[in-house]
Amino acid sequence: MKLLYLTVGMLMLSLFSSAQTDSITVSGTIAGLANQKVNISFADNAGKNQYKSVAGVDNKFSVRLPVQNAPAPARLTVALPENSAANSMMIPPLNFFIWNKNLQIKGNAALVNVAVVQGDAENDLYNVLIQQGAKSEIRYRELLSTAFDKNIKRTPEDSTKLHQELKKLSLSGYFREKEFVKNNPKSFASVFLLNRLGSFYTADDYLKAWNTLAPTYKNTAEAESIKKTLEKLAPTMAGIPVFAFERIDKNGNKVSPELLKGRTYLLDFWGSWCGPCRASHPHLKSLYSKYKDQGFEIVAIAQERGKTLDDCKATWLKAIQEDQINWVHLLNQDGIAQQNLVSTFHVNAFPTKILIGADGKIILRISASATDDIDQALERIYGF
């Protein structure tokens, strides 16, 4: 009988231990949460989307999540009370990683994206980055709230200054993340960040950043996404001849790489509907003015969203006139049946800019307009 009790006891202990090791606890204190819900979502190692929601109790919460074989990116959001001064929709989620150890979170509901996460080496390291940018993030949220406040009267100069500071704070965060990737090649957080930062590298620099990462996490879902991006970028890496195409521009002139050979030119993929594309036009106008007498050209290829070709032409020409961008203009929809230039150049983000050398070979490709890679390349080419 004693043997039977011992056997049952050992079995129960085994089951209890198993139950304790196949899940982790994520708990914490979030000021301002009260009894509202905490929501956590992530894709597990099998690629299945997981979602957990739990009500807080006096600003505290606790939830159990399945253990993962490798770190899995997770997002935490909070549902603020209806009478809260903060707007839940304007608060970014807290990014962290689910793995195999319990995690503790401490923060404020109105700034949950900079909450402190501790419990394992990957989250501890990533948290250092988050806290480095916490003050900037707080300032960014303050300015964003001001920007959306319709009761505040401001001059055009005030609005310009406000948006310039918002842009500066946003870009400082991206550059800080790129520096983290560079300095922490063995971290899963670097794989996670690199997957999100593709637009802030030239195609070649993105490949270099990937090659510097340790192999530890290069089989994760995040890494697979980077690999797919690199596959799409491969045909437009530096030194590769530009794809052949032939189109008629808005003035009725034939445009092709063959006709442009001997000149340095920039392919600018944009659209009238694309805010970042049009925000880049003032700087492009500055570059064009500086180098056009040296033979530099810009070939803008617009992808419009009209239902008909006439609709596309109307919005396209209107934007060109409004922005006063007087260089070569092509409309992708006008001739798309023969060749879709957006597909040919593997463009899946707007704006995308590809700089072509006088020899007809690609110098660089980049999507974001926030870097100075194009400026530096032109300075090297023209000497000023």
Protein backbone atom coordinates (compact mmCIF):
# COMPACT_ATOMS: atom_id res chain seq x y z
CA MET A 1 0.00 0.00 0.00
CA LYS A 2 2.83 2.35 0.91
CA LEU A 3 4.42 1.55 -2.44
CA LEU A 4 1.16 2.50 -4.19
CA TYR A 5 0.98 5.85 -2.35
CA LEU A 6 4.63 6.49 -3.15
CA THR A 7 4.08 5.75 -6.84
CA VAL A 8 1.00 7.97 -7.04
CA GLY A 9 2.82 10.71 -5.16
CA MET A 10 5.77 10.59 -7.53
CA LEU A 11 3.40 10.66 -10.51
CA MET A 12 1.58 13.70 -9.12
CA LEU A 13 4.89 15.42 -8.44
CA SER A 14 6.01 14.68 -11.99
CA LEU A 15 2.79 16.09 -13.44
CA PHE A 16 3.03 19.15 -11.19
CA SER A 17 6.64 19.76 -12.23
CA SER A 18 5.72 19.37 -15.88
CA ALA A 19 2.90 21.87 -15.47
CA GLN A 20 5.34 24.31 -13.94
CA THR A 21 7.93 24.00 -16.70
CA ASP A 22 5.73 24.12 -19.81
CA SER A 23 4.59 27.66 -19.10
CA ILE A 24 5.93 30.93 -17.74
CA THR A 25 4.34 33.70 -15.72
CA VAL A 26 4.30 37.27 -16.97
CA SER A 27 3.28 39.56 -14.16
CA GLY A 28 3.73 43.10 -13.04
CA THR A 29 2.49 46.45 -11.83
CA ILE A 30 1.28 49.09 -14.26
CA ALA A 31 0.34 52.41 -12.70
CA GLY A 32 -2.97 53.66 -14.05
CA LEU A 33 -4.13 50.20 -15.10
CA ALA A 34 -6.62 49.92 -12.23
CA ASN A 35 -8.84 46.93 -13.07
CA GLN A 36 -8.65 47.29 -16.84
CA LYS A 37 -7.43 44.54 -19.16
CA VAL A 38 -3.87 43.69 -20.14
CA ASN A 39 -3.62 42.11 -23.61
CA ILE A 40 -0.63 40.09 -24.79
CA SER A 41 -0.26 38.75 -28.33
CA PHE A 42 2.55 36.83 -30.01
CA ALA A 43 3.24 34.24 -32.68
CA ASP A 44 4.66 31.10 -31.09
CA ASN A 45 7.56 29.07 -32.47
CA ALA A 46 5.11 26.99 -34.50
CA GLY A 47 3.81 30.14 -36.20
CA LYS A 48 0.46 30.04 -34.38
CA ASN A 49 -0.91 33.37 -33.22
CA GLN A 50 -1.46 33.45 -29.47
CA TYR A 51 -3.58 35.96 -27.56
CA LYS A 52 -4.11 36.30 -23.83
CA SER A 53 -6.21 38.88 -22.02
CA VAL A 54 -6.45 39.29 -18.26
CA ALA A 55 -8.07 41.90 -16.03
CA GLY A 56 -5.83 43.85 -13.72
CA VAL A 57 -6.43 44.05 -10.00
CA ASP A 58 -5.43 47.35 -8.40
CA ASN A 59 -2.80 48.01 -11.11
CA LYS A 60 -1.39 44.47 -10.91
CA PHE A 61 -1.73 41.60 -13.38
CA SER A 62 -0.48 38.06 -13.90
CA VAL A 63 -0.86 35.70 -16.84
CA ARG A 64 0.62 32.33 -17.77
CA LEU A 65 1.98 31.77 -21.28
CA PRO A 66 3.44 28.70 -22.98
CA VAL A 67 7.21 28.20 -22.92
CA GLN A 68 8.90 28.66 -26.31
CA ASN A 69 11.91 26.85 -27.77
CA ALA A 70 13.36 30.20 -28.86
CA PRO A 71 12.49 33.82 -28.09
CA ALA A 72 9.21 34.94 -29.66
CA PRO A 73 8.37 38.65 -30.05
CA ALA A 74 5.32 39.67 -28.02
CA ARG A 75 3.22 42.82 -27.73
CA LEU A 76 1.50 44.08 -24.60
CA THR A 77 -1.26 46.68 -24.65
CA VAL A 78 -3.53 48.02 -21.94
CA ALA A 79 -7.18 49.07 -22.11
CA LEU A 80 -7.33 52.37 -20.27
CA PRO A 81 -10.45 53.57 -18.45
CA GLU A 82 -12.83 55.59 -20.64
CA ASN A 83 -12.25 58.72 -18.55
CA SER A 84 -8.48 58.43 -18.78
CA ALA A 85 -6.61 61.49 -20.06
CA ALA A 86 -4.47 59.23 -22.25
CA ASN A 87 -5.80 57.76 -25.47
CA SER A 88 -5.26 54.00 -25.66
CA MET A 89 -5.21 54.14 -29.47
CA MET A 90 -2.23 56.52 -29.42
CA ILE A 91 -0.11 54.45 -27.04
CA PRO A 92 2.29 52.08 -28.83
CA PRO A 93 2.50 48.52 -27.48
CA LEU A 94 5.27 47.27 -25.25
CA ASN A 95 7.54 44.96 -27.24
CA PHE A 96 9.24 42.12 -25.37
CA PHE A 97 10.12 38.45 -25.81
CA ILE A 98 8.39 35.27 -24.59
CA TRP A 99 10.78 32.40 -23.94
CA ASN A 100 11.37 30.06 -21.00
CA LYS A 101 11.61 32.21 -17.86
CA ASN A 102 9.16 34.22 -15.81
CA LEU A 103 9.04 37.94 -16.59
CA GLN A 104 8.25 40.97 -14.46
CA ILE A 105 6.93 44.21 -15.94
CA LYS A 106 6.75 47.59 -14.25
CA GLY A 107 5.56 50.78 -15.88
CA ASN A 108 2.82 53.32 -16.50
CA ALA A 109 -0.29 52.63 -18.56
CA ALA A 110 0.04 55.93 -20.43
CA LEU A 111 3.61 55.02 -21.46
CA VAL A 112 3.44 51.25 -21.44
CA ASN A 113 5.79 50.99 -24.44
CA VAL A 114 8.73 52.03 -22.22
CA ALA A 115 7.82 49.82 -19.26
CA VAL A 116 10.71 47.92 -17.63
CA VAL A 117 10.81 44.20 -18.50
CA GLN A 118 13.09 41.86 -16.55
CA GLY A 119 13.51 38.14 -16.14
CA ASP A 120 15.86 36.71 -18.77
CA ALA A 121 19.03 37.77 -20.57
CA GLU A 122 17.32 38.72 -23.85
CA ASN A 123 14.69 40.95 -22.26
CA ASP A 124 17.21 42.43 -19.84
CA LEU A 125 19.48 43.48 -22.71
CA TYR A 126 16.65 44.81 -24.87
CA ASN A 127 15.28 46.72 -21.89
CA VAL A 128 18.54 48.69 -21.67
CA LEU A 129 17.84 50.00 -25.18
CA ILE A 130 14.23 50.83 -24.32
CA GLN A 131 15.20 52.77 -21.21
CA GLN A 132 17.90 54.68 -23.10
CA GLY A 133 15.17 56.11 -25.30
CA ALA A 134 12.51 56.51 -22.61
CA LYS A 135 12.94 60.27 -22.15
CA SER A 136 12.79 60.84 -25.89
CA GLU A 137 9.68 58.66 -26.12
CA ILE A 138 7.97 60.61 -23.34
CA ARG A 139 8.76 63.86 -25.13
CA TYR A 140 7.50 62.39 -28.41
CA ARG A 141 4.15 61.42 -26.84
CA GLU A 142 3.79 64.89 -25.35
CA LEU A 143 4.41 66.55 -28.69
CA LEU A 144 2.10 64.13 -30.50
CA SER A 145 -0.68 64.88 -28.03
CA THR A 146 -0.12 68.58 -28.65
CA ALA A 147 -0.19 68.08 -32.41
CA PHE A 148 -3.62 66.40 -32.23
CA ASP A 149 -5.10 68.91 -29.78
CA LYS A 150 -7.53 71.00 -31.86
CA ASN A 151 -7.92 73.51 -29.04
CA ILE A 152 -4.33 74.70 -29.36
CA LYS A 153 -3.83 77.63 -31.71
CA ARG A 154 -0.47 77.72 -33.50
CA THR A 155 1.13 79.59 -36.36
CA PRO A 156 2.45 77.80 -39.47
CA GLU A 157 5.94 78.36 -38.09
CA ASP A 158 4.94 76.70 -34.82
CA SER A 159 3.50 73.72 -36.70
CA THR A 160 6.67 73.35 -38.76
CA LYS A 161 8.82 73.47 -35.65
CA LEU A 162 6.59 70.91 -33.91
CA HIS A 163 6.75 68.44 -36.79
CA GLN A 164 10.49 68.91 -37.17
CA GLU A 165 11.02 68.00 -33.51
CA LEU A 166 8.72 64.98 -33.85
CA LYS A 167 10.70 63.79 -36.87
CA LYS A 168 14.02 64.33 -35.10
CA LEU A 169 12.89 62.32 -32.05
CA SER A 170 11.53 59.52 -34.24
CA LEU A 171 14.72 59.27 -36.28
CA SER A 172 16.91 59.30 -33.18
CA GLY A 173 15.09 56.15 -32.05
CA TYR A 174 15.75 54.36 -35.34
CA PHE A 175 19.42 55.29 -35.32
CA ARG A 176 19.74 54.14 -31.71
CA GLU A 177 18.26 50.79 -32.72
CA LYS A 178 20.70 50.44 -35.62
CA GLU A 179 23.57 51.06 -33.22
CA PHE A 180 22.18 48.37 -30.92
CA VAL A 181 22.14 45.85 -33.80
CA LYS A 182 25.74 46.72 -34.61
CA ASN A 183 26.93 46.32 -31.01
CA ASN A 184 24.93 43.20 -30.06
CA PRO A 185 25.31 40.63 -32.87
CA LYS A 186 24.55 37.68 -30.56
CA SER A 187 21.24 39.04 -29.28
CA PHE A 188 17.80 37.94 -30.46
CA ALA A 189 16.76 41.57 -30.07
CA SER A 190 19.14 42.44 -32.91
CA VAL A 191 17.37 39.97 -35.21
CA PHE A 192 14.02 41.38 -34.09
CA LEU A 193 15.13 44.97 -34.72
CA LEU A 194 16.86 44.25 -38.03
CA ASN A 195 13.62 42.75 -39.31
CA ARG A 196 11.87 46.06 -38.58
CA LEU A 197 14.64 48.39 -39.76
CA GLY A 198 15.04 47.35 -43.38
CA SER A 199 14.00 50.77 -44.68
CA PHE A 200 16.79 52.48 -42.77
CA TYR A 201 19.63 50.61 -44.46
CA THR A 202 20.78 50.60 -48.04
CA ALA A 203 20.26 47.16 -49.57
CA ASP A 204 23.98 46.41 -49.28
CA ASP A 205 24.25 47.65 -45.69
CA TYR A 206 21.23 45.53 -44.76
CA LEU A 207 23.01 42.45 -46.08
CA LYS A 208 26.18 43.43 -44.18
CA ALA A 209 24.22 43.88 -40.95
CA TRP A 210 22.63 40.46 -41.41
CA ASN A 211 26.01 38.83 -42.09
CA THR A 212 27.47 40.24 -38.88
CA LEU A 213 24.79 38.60 -36.70
CA ALA A 214 25.64 35.39 -34.87
CA PRO A 215 23.98 32.19 -36.16
CA THR A 216 22.18 31.49 -32.86
CA TYR A 217 18.80 32.94 -33.90
CA LYS A 218 19.06 32.77 -37.68
CA ASN A 219 16.45 30.02 -37.91
CA THR A 220 13.71 31.94 -36.10
CA ALA A 221 10.61 33.35 -37.81
CA GLU A 222 12.08 36.85 -37.53
CA ALA A 223 15.23 35.70 -39.31
CA GLU A 224 13.23 33.99 -42.06
CA SER A 225 11.49 37.29 -42.75
CA ILE A 226 14.88 39.01 -43.12
CA LYS A 227 16.02 36.30 -45.53
CA LYS A 228 12.95 36.86 -47.72
CA THR A 229 13.63 40.59 -47.77
CA LEU A 230 17.24 39.98 -48.81
CA GLU A 231 16.08 37.69 -51.61
CA LYS A 232 13.94 40.51 -53.00
CA LEU A 233 16.78 43.01 -52.66
CA ALA A 234 19.40 40.75 -54.27
CA PRO A 235 18.74 41.86 -57.89
CA THR A 236 19.26 45.52 -56.96
CA MET A 237 22.45 45.32 -54.93
CA ALA A 238 25.38 47.62 -55.72
CA GLY A 239 27.30 46.76 -58.90
CA ILE A 240 24.43 44.99 -60.65
CA PRO A 241 23.34 46.41 -64.03
CA VAL A 242 20.00 48.22 -63.85
CA PHE A 243 16.98 46.35 -65.26
CA ALA A 244 16.10 47.22 -68.83
CA PHE A 245 12.89 49.19 -69.43
CA GLU A 246 11.47 51.65 -71.92
CA ARG A 247 8.70 54.15 -71.23
CA ILE A 248 7.33 57.48 -72.45
CA ASP A 249 7.46 60.29 -69.89
CA LYS A 250 4.75 62.85 -69.21
CA ASN A 251 6.18 65.12 -71.92
CA GLY A 252 6.16 62.42 -74.59
CA ASN A 253 9.90 61.64 -74.47
CA LYS A 254 11.31 58.13 -74.54
CA VAL A 255 13.09 57.08 -71.35
CA SER A 256 15.32 54.02 -70.92
CA PRO A 257 18.56 53.04 -69.15
CA GLU A 258 20.24 52.92 -72.54
CA LEU A 259 19.36 56.54 -73.22
CA LEU A 260 20.42 57.54 -69.69
CA LYS A 261 23.78 55.78 -69.85
CA GLY A 262 26.65 58.17 -69.20
CA ARG A 263 24.64 60.05 -66.59
CA THR A 264 24.15 59.41 -62.88
CA TYR A 265 20.43 59.24 -62.14
CA LEU A 266 18.01 58.40 -59.35
CA LEU A 267 14.96 56.19 -59.79
CA ASP A 268 12.41 57.49 -57.31
CA PHE A 269 9.40 55.20 -56.77
CA TRP A 270 6.61 57.26 -55.25
CA GLY A 271 2.88 58.02 -55.33
CA SER A 272 0.70 61.08 -54.85
CA TRP A 273 -0.99 59.26 -51.93
CA CYS A 274 2.33 58.59 -50.14
CA GLY A 275 3.05 61.15 -47.42
CA PRO A 276 6.72 60.17 -46.84
CA CYS A 277 7.30 60.22 -50.61
CA ARG A 278 6.08 63.75 -50.95
CA ALA A 279 7.83 64.83 -47.76
CA SER A 280 11.09 63.82 -49.45
CA HIS A 281 10.51 66.11 -52.43
CA PRO A 282 11.99 69.30 -50.93
CA HIS A 283 15.28 67.52 -50.30
CA LEU A 284 15.27 65.92 -53.75
CA LYS A 285 14.71 69.39 -55.24
CA SER A 286 17.77 70.59 -53.34
CA LEU A 287 19.90 67.71 -54.69
CA TYR A 288 18.58 68.25 -58.21
CA SER A 289 19.39 71.93 -58.12
CA LYS A 290 22.88 71.17 -56.82
CA TYR A 291 23.85 68.50 -59.36
CA LYS A 292 21.66 68.80 -62.48
CA ASP A 293 24.23 70.94 -64.27
CA GLN A 294 26.72 68.11 -63.69
CA GLY A 295 24.45 65.71 -65.58
CA PHE A 296 22.49 64.32 -62.62
CA GLU A 297 18.89 63.32 -63.38
CA ILE A 298 15.90 62.11 -61.38
CA VAL A 299 13.48 59.66 -62.99
CA ALA A 300 10.35 59.52 -60.85
CA ILE A 301 8.17 56.43 -61.28
CA ALA A 302 4.72 56.93 -59.76
CA GLN A 303 2.41 54.15 -58.64
CA GLU A 304 -1.10 55.62 -58.36
CA ARG A 305 -4.28 54.18 -56.86
CA GLY A 306 -6.96 55.39 -59.28
CA LYS A 307 -9.52 52.95 -60.67
CA THR A 308 -8.78 53.97 -64.24
CA LEU A 309 -5.71 55.18 -66.12
CA ASP A 310 -7.30 58.62 -66.41
CA ASP A 311 -7.85 58.74 -62.65
CA CYS A 312 -4.20 57.81 -62.08
CA LYS A 313 -2.99 60.45 -64.52
CA ALA A 314 -5.10 63.12 -62.85
CA THR A 315 -3.79 62.55 -59.31
CA TRP A 316 -0.24 62.07 -60.61
CA LEU A 317 -0.11 65.30 -62.62
CA LYS A 318 -1.81 67.25 -59.85
CA ALA A 319 0.83 66.14 -57.30
CA ILE A 320 3.68 67.00 -59.68
CA GLN A 321 2.28 70.50 -60.12
CA GLU A 322 1.61 70.98 -56.39
CA ASP A 323 5.10 69.86 -55.38
CA GLN A 324 6.82 71.64 -58.30
CA ILE A 325 9.07 68.67 -59.02
CA ASN A 326 10.43 69.38 -62.49
CA TRP A 327 12.35 66.30 -63.52
CA VAL A 328 11.58 63.19 -65.59
CA HIS A 329 8.22 61.61 -64.68
CA LEU A 330 6.85 58.17 -65.57
CA LEU A 331 3.50 56.70 -64.54
CA ASN A 332 3.73 52.97 -63.87
CA GLN A 333 0.09 52.36 -64.84
CA ASP A 334 0.74 53.87 -68.27
CA GLY A 335 2.33 50.83 -69.91
CA ILE A 336 1.96 48.42 -67.00
CA ALA A 337 0.58 45.71 -69.31
CA GLN A 338 3.95 45.54 -71.07
CA GLN A 339 6.08 45.92 -67.94
CA ASN A 340 5.21 46.61 -64.32
CA LEU A 341 8.19 48.68 -63.16
CA VAL A 342 7.26 48.33 -59.49
CA SER A 343 7.39 44.54 -59.84
CA THR A 344 10.49 44.61 -62.05
CA PHE A 345 12.46 46.47 -59.40
CA HIS A 346 10.93 44.46 -56.51
CA VAL A 347 9.51 47.58 -54.87
CA ASN A 348 7.29 46.84 -51.87
CA ALA A 349 7.77 50.06 -49.91
CA PHE A 350 7.29 53.68 -50.86
CA PRO A 351 9.37 55.69 -51.32
CA THR A 352 12.10 53.48 -52.73
CA LYS A 353 15.09 55.18 -54.31
CA ILE A 354 17.70 53.48 -56.50
CA LEU A 355 20.81 55.42 -57.52
CA ILE A 356 22.30 54.41 -60.88
CA GLY A 357 25.85 55.25 -61.95
CA ALA A 358 27.00 56.56 -65.33
CA ASP A 359 28.06 53.01 -66.21
CA GLY A 360 24.48 51.79 -65.87
CA LYS A 361 25.15 49.87 -62.66
CA ILE A 362 23.36 50.28 -59.35
CA ILE A 363 25.18 52.33 -56.70
CA LEU A 364 22.68 51.95 -53.87
CA ARG A 365 19.06 51.27 -53.00
CA ILE A 366 17.15 52.57 -49.99
CA SER A 367 13.53 52.98 -48.96
CA ALA A 368 13.59 55.53 -46.15
CA SER A 369 14.17 59.20 -46.89
CA ALA A 370 15.63 59.76 -43.45
CA THR A 371 19.21 58.79 -44.21
CA ASP A 372 21.92 60.73 -46.04
CA ASP A 373 23.28 57.79 -48.05
CA ILE A 374 22.25 59.33 -51.38
CA ASP A 375 23.78 62.68 -50.44
CA GLN A 376 27.08 61.04 -49.54
CA ALA A 377 27.14 59.00 -52.75
CA LEU A 378 26.57 62.10 -54.89
CA GLU A 379 29.25 64.00 -53.02
CA ARG A 380 31.70 61.20 -53.79
CA ILE A 381 30.72 61.21 -57.46
CA TYR A 382 30.77 64.96 -58.06
CA GLY A 383 33.31 66.01 -55.47
CA PHE A 384 31.12 68.54 -53.65
